[in-house]
Amino acid sequence: MSQSDIYNKIRWTLMANFRLKEATNHYKANLSEDLGLDAWDINQLIFLVEKQFNIQFETGIEKNIVSLNQIASLTYKAMHRQTGSMKVA
């Protein structure tokens, strides 16, 4: 799955669970300042992403997340770490 595909799925999750305007450029938008998410909302979004992609981020990652593109990038990396660790030599 490409990072673009991951972003689109996360964006859909964001739109479905947090009342946001479609016209907003969500990719580079600051989750708090531009999209109006508070710390609780960001934690909820991270939980939903972990559940949707069957991954787990490091504890405390929510303190460093400021944009949707960061979540997409971290999700992409986490998915590839999982598949990489499952490969048998």
Protein backbone atom coordinates (compact mmCIF):
# COMPACT_ATOMS: atom_id res chain seq x y z
CA MET A 1 0.00 0.00 0.00
CA SER A 2 1.42 3.38 -1.00
CA GLN A 3 1.76 6.33 1.34
CA SER A 4 -0.85 8.12 -0.81
CA ASP A 5 -3.32 5.26 -0.26
CA ILE A 6 -2.62 5.37 3.47
CA TYR A 7 -3.15 9.14 3.54
CA ASN A 8 -6.50 8.80 1.74
CA LYS A 9 -7.72 6.18 4.22
CA ILE A 10 -6.61 8.27 7.19
CA ARG A 11 -8.20 11.37 5.65
CA TRP A 12 -11.47 9.46 5.28
CA THR A 13 -11.23 8.40 8.94
CA LEU A 14 -10.58 12.00 9.90
CA MET A 15 -13.55 13.26 7.88
CA ALA A 16 -15.88 10.53 9.17
CA ASN A 17 -15.05 10.98 12.85
CA PHE A 18 -14.23 14.68 13.22
CA ARG A 19 -16.48 17.29 11.60
CA LEU A 20 -14.08 18.89 9.14
CA LYS A 21 -14.59 20.85 5.96
CA GLU A 22 -13.87 19.02 2.71
CA ALA A 23 -12.13 22.04 1.16
CA THR A 24 -9.36 22.13 3.75
CA ASN A 25 -5.96 20.89 2.62
CA HIS A 26 -5.68 18.19 5.24
CA TYR A 27 -2.29 16.85 4.10
CA LYS A 28 -0.16 19.66 5.51
CA ALA A 29 -2.71 21.16 7.87
CA ASN A 30 -1.77 21.49 11.51
CA LEU A 31 -4.14 19.18 13.39
CA SER A 32 -4.66 21.67 16.23
CA GLU A 33 -4.37 25.09 14.64
CA ASP A 34 -5.85 24.44 11.18
CA LEU A 35 -8.27 21.57 11.86
CA GLY A 36 -9.24 22.43 15.43
CA LEU A 37 -8.40 19.06 16.98
CA ASP A 38 -7.52 19.06 20.66
CA ALA A 39 -5.19 16.59 22.40
CA TRP A 40 -8.09 14.18 23.03
CA ASP A 41 -9.10 14.27 19.35
CA ILE A 42 -5.51 13.60 18.23
CA ASN A 43 -5.28 10.62 20.60
CA GLN A 44 -8.58 9.33 19.23
CA LEU A 45 -7.36 9.73 15.64
CA ILE A 46 -4.15 7.85 16.44
CA PHE A 47 -6.18 5.06 18.05
CA LEU A 48 -8.44 4.82 14.99
CA VAL A 49 -5.45 4.70 12.64
CA GLU A 50 -3.77 1.98 14.71
CA LYS A 51 -6.98 -0.05 14.65
CA GLN A 52 -7.62 0.53 10.92
CA PHE A 53 -4.11 -0.50 9.84
CA ASN A 54 -3.50 -3.09 12.57
CA ILE A 55 -0.34 -1.33 13.79
CA GLN A 56 0.86 0.19 17.03
CA PHE A 57 2.79 3.43 17.34
CA GLU A 58 5.33 4.09 20.06
CA THR A 59 3.93 5.26 23.37
CA GLY A 60 3.85 9.05 23.58
CA ILE A 61 3.89 9.58 19.81
CA GLU A 62 0.88 11.89 20.09
CA LYS A 63 3.13 14.57 21.61
CA ASN A 64 5.08 14.79 18.34
CA ILE A 65 2.22 14.55 15.84
CA VAL A 66 1.21 17.90 14.37
CA SER A 67 -0.05 17.07 10.87
CA LEU A 68 -1.87 14.41 8.91
CA ASN A 69 1.11 13.83 6.63
CA GLN A 70 3.13 12.84 9.72
CA ILE A 71 0.53 10.25 10.68
CA ALA A 72 0.51 8.89 7.11
CA SER A 73 4.31 8.68 7.07
CA LEU A 74 4.49 6.97 10.47
CA THR A 75 1.76 4.54 9.43
CA TYR A 76 3.63 3.69 6.21
CA LYS A 77 6.84 3.06 8.18
CA ALA A 78 5.05 0.98 10.81
CA MET A 79 3.40 -1.17 8.14
CA HIS A 80 6.71 -1.79 6.41
CA ARG A 81 8.43 -2.61 9.70
CA GLN A 82 5.75 -5.22 10.34
CA THR A 83 5.99 -6.80 6.90
CA GLY A 84 9.80 -6.64 7.03
CA SER A 85 9.88 -8.45 10.35
CA MET A 86 7.58 -11.16 8.97
CA LYS A 87 9.87 -12.01 6.07
CA VAL A 88 11.64 -15.33 6.43
CA ALA A 89 15.24 -15.58 5.23
